[in-house]
Amino acid sequence: MIQKPTVKPVLMRINQIEALRKIQEEERTKSPLGVAPTIHVIARGLMDKALAKLVRRHNGAITTFG
């Protein structure tokens, strides 16, 4: 059986990608091993935070999936 993908591509502007790379480098600098999360992990985390804030603002009337 073929499974439906659980992720979808999202188009971002160059300045958004650059901001994510800056966050990634900051995380790499903090790491004692010099490792950093991927751009995808950072973007998903930021999206989760933004959606959670939106849900709180609307008193839970909006649901998120994750």
N, C-alpha and C. Protein backbone atom coordinates (compact mmCIF):
# COMPACT_ATOMS: atom_id res chain seq x y z
N MET A 1 0.84 -1.17 0.00
CA MET A 1 0.00 0.00 0.00
C MET A 1 0.90 1.25 0.00
N ILE A 2 0.52 2.24 -0.78
CA ILE A 2 1.27 3.48 -0.84
C ILE A 2 0.79 4.42 0.25
N GLN A 3 1.73 4.95 1.02
CA GLN A 3 1.39 5.88 2.09
C GLN A 3 1.38 7.30 1.55
N LYS A 4 0.47 8.10 2.08
CA LYS A 4 0.45 9.52 1.74
C LYS A 4 1.62 10.20 2.45
N PRO A 5 2.26 11.14 1.79
CA PRO A 5 3.34 11.85 2.47
C PRO A 5 2.82 12.65 3.65
N THR A 6 3.63 12.74 4.69
CA THR A 6 3.21 13.49 5.88
C THR A 6 3.82 14.88 5.90
N VAL A 7 4.60 15.21 4.89
CA VAL A 7 5.19 16.54 4.79
C VAL A 7 4.89 17.12 3.41
N LYS A 8 4.87 18.42 3.34
CA LYS A 8 4.65 19.12 2.07
C LYS A 8 5.73 20.18 1.91
N PRO A 9 6.18 20.42 0.68
CA PRO A 9 7.16 21.47 0.48
C PRO A 9 6.51 22.85 0.66
N VAL A 10 7.30 23.78 1.14
CA VAL A 10 6.84 25.15 1.32
C VAL A 10 7.87 26.06 0.65
N LEU A 11 7.39 26.98 -0.17
CA LEU A 11 8.29 27.92 -0.82
C LEU A 11 8.58 29.08 0.12
N MET A 12 9.84 29.45 0.20
CA MET A 12 10.24 30.56 1.07
C MET A 12 11.07 31.55 0.27
N ARG A 13 11.04 32.79 0.72
CA ARG A 13 11.86 33.82 0.08
C ARG A 13 13.32 33.64 0.50
N ILE A 14 14.22 34.17 -0.30
CA ILE A 14 15.64 34.04 -0.02
C ILE A 14 15.99 34.63 1.35
N ASN A 15 15.40 35.78 1.69
CA ASN A 15 15.73 36.39 2.99
C ASN A 15 15.24 35.52 4.15
N GLN A 16 14.18 34.76 3.95
CA GLN A 16 13.71 33.84 5.00
C GLN A 16 14.71 32.69 5.18
N ILE A 17 15.20 32.16 4.08
CA ILE A 17 16.19 31.08 4.15
C ILE A 17 17.47 31.60 4.80
N GLU A 18 17.87 32.82 4.46
CA GLU A 18 19.06 33.40 5.07
C GLU A 18 18.89 33.55 6.58
N ALA A 19 17.70 33.96 7.01
CA ALA A 19 17.43 34.09 8.45
C ALA A 19 17.51 32.73 9.14
N LEU A 20 16.99 31.69 8.48
CA LEU A 20 17.08 30.34 9.04
C LEU A 20 18.54 29.88 9.12
N ARG A 21 19.32 30.21 8.12
CA ARG A 21 20.75 29.84 8.15
C ARG A 21 21.48 30.56 9.27
N LYS A 22 21.10 31.81 9.53
CA LYS A 22 21.71 32.56 10.63
C LYS A 22 21.40 31.88 11.96
N ILE A 23 20.14 31.48 12.14
CA ILE A 23 19.75 30.75 13.36
C ILE A 23 20.56 29.45 13.45
N GLN A 24 20.70 28.77 12.33
CA GLN A 24 21.45 27.51 12.31
C GLN A 24 22.89 27.73 12.75
N GLU A 25 23.53 28.78 12.25
CA GLU A 25 24.91 29.06 12.63
C GLU A 25 25.02 29.45 14.10
N GLU A 26 24.03 30.18 14.62
CA GLU A 26 24.02 30.51 16.05
C GLU A 26 23.93 29.24 16.89
N GLU A 27 23.11 28.30 16.45
CA GLU A 27 22.98 27.03 17.17
C GLU A 27 24.29 26.23 17.09
N ARG A 28 24.94 26.27 15.94
CA ARG A 28 26.21 25.55 15.77
C ARG A 28 27.27 26.14 16.70
N THR A 29 27.26 27.47 16.85
CA THR A 29 28.21 28.15 17.73
C THR A 29 27.98 27.76 19.19
N LYS A 30 26.72 27.58 19.57
CA LYS A 30 26.38 27.21 20.95
C LYS A 30 26.78 25.77 21.28
N SER A 31 26.81 24.93 20.27
CA SER A 31 27.05 23.50 20.47
C SER A 31 28.52 23.21 20.77
N PRO A 32 28.79 22.45 21.84
CA PRO A 32 30.18 22.08 22.13
C PRO A 32 30.77 21.17 21.04
N LEU A 33 29.92 20.50 20.30
CA LEU A 33 30.40 19.61 19.23
C LEU A 33 30.36 20.28 17.86
N GLY A 34 29.85 21.51 17.80
CA GLY A 34 29.77 22.22 16.53
C GLY A 34 28.70 21.71 15.60
N VAL A 35 27.66 21.10 16.17
CA VAL A 35 26.56 20.61 15.34
C VAL A 35 25.37 21.55 15.46
N ALA A 36 24.50 21.51 14.46
CA ALA A 36 23.33 22.37 14.46
C ALA A 36 22.15 21.62 13.86
N PRO A 37 20.92 22.01 14.23
CA PRO A 37 19.75 21.40 13.60
C PRO A 37 19.68 21.79 12.12
N THR A 38 18.99 20.99 11.36
CA THR A 38 18.83 21.30 9.94
C THR A 38 17.91 22.51 9.77
N ILE A 39 17.98 23.10 8.60
CA ILE A 39 17.09 24.22 8.26
C ILE A 39 15.63 23.77 8.41
N HIS A 40 15.34 22.54 7.99
CA HIS A 40 13.97 22.02 8.07
C HIS A 40 13.49 21.93 9.52
N VAL A 41 14.35 21.45 10.40
CA VAL A 41 13.99 21.34 11.82
C VAL A 41 13.73 22.72 12.42
N ILE A 42 14.59 23.67 12.09
CA ILE A 42 14.41 25.03 12.60
C ILE A 42 13.10 25.62 12.08
N ALA A 43 12.84 25.47 10.79
CA ALA A 43 11.61 26.03 10.20
C ALA A 43 10.36 25.40 10.82
N ARG A 44 10.38 24.08 11.01
CA ARG A 44 9.22 23.42 11.63
C ARG A 44 9.01 23.90 13.05
N GLY A 45 10.09 24.08 13.80
CA GLY A 45 9.98 24.58 15.17
C GLY A 45 9.38 25.98 15.22
N LEU A 46 9.84 26.85 14.32
CA LEU A 46 9.29 28.21 14.28
C LEU A 46 7.81 28.20 13.89
N MET A 47 7.45 27.34 12.94
CA MET A 47 6.05 27.23 12.53
C MET A 47 5.20 26.72 13.67
N ASP A 48 5.69 25.73 14.41
CA ASP A 48 4.95 25.21 15.57
C ASP A 48 4.70 26.31 16.60
N LYS A 49 5.73 27.13 16.87
CA LYS A 49 5.59 28.22 17.84
C LYS A 49 4.57 29.25 17.36
N ALA A 50 4.63 29.59 16.08
CA ALA A 50 3.70 30.57 15.53
C ALA A 50 2.26 30.06 15.58
N LEU A 51 2.07 28.80 15.23
CA LEU A 51 0.72 28.22 15.27
C LEU A 51 0.19 28.12 16.69
N ALA A 52 1.05 27.76 17.63
CA ALA A 52 0.63 27.68 19.03
C ALA A 52 0.21 29.06 19.54
N LYS A 53 0.94 30.08 19.15
CA LYS A 53 0.59 31.45 19.55
C LYS A 53 -0.76 31.85 18.95
N LEU A 54 -1.00 31.47 17.71
CA LEU A 54 -2.27 31.77 17.06
C LEU A 54 -3.42 31.07 17.76
N VAL A 55 -3.21 29.82 18.14
CA VAL A 55 -4.24 29.06 18.86
C VAL A 55 -4.55 29.73 20.20
N ARG A 56 -3.52 30.13 20.93
CA ARG A 56 -3.74 30.81 22.22
C ARG A 56 -4.50 32.12 22.03
N ARG A 57 -4.16 32.86 20.99
CA ARG A 57 -4.80 34.14 20.72
C ARG A 57 -6.30 33.96 20.45
N HIS A 58 -6.64 32.84 19.84
CA HIS A 58 -8.04 32.56 19.49
C HIS A 58 -8.69 31.61 20.49
N ASN A 59 -8.13 31.53 21.68
CA ASN A 59 -8.68 30.72 22.78
C ASN A 59 -8.95 29.28 22.38
N GLY A 60 -8.04 28.69 21.64
CA GLY A 60 -8.16 27.28 21.28
C GLY A 60 -9.16 26.99 20.19
N ALA A 61 -9.73 28.03 19.56
CA ALA A 61 -10.72 27.81 18.51
C ALA A 61 -10.09 27.25 17.24
N ILE A 62 -8.78 27.38 17.13
CA ILE A 62 -8.05 26.86 15.98
C ILE A 62 -7.30 25.62 16.45
N THR A 63 -7.36 24.56 15.68
CA THR A 63 -6.62 23.36 16.07
C THR A 63 -5.40 23.20 15.18
N THR A 64 -4.36 22.63 15.73
CA THR A 64 -3.16 22.34 14.95
C THR A 64 -2.90 20.85 14.99
N PHE A 65 -2.15 20.41 14.04
CA PHE A 65 -1.80 19.00 13.96
C PHE A 65 -0.30 18.89 14.06
N GLY A 66 0.17 17.91 14.81
CA GLY A 66 1.61 17.79 14.91
C GLY A 66 2.04 16.60 15.66
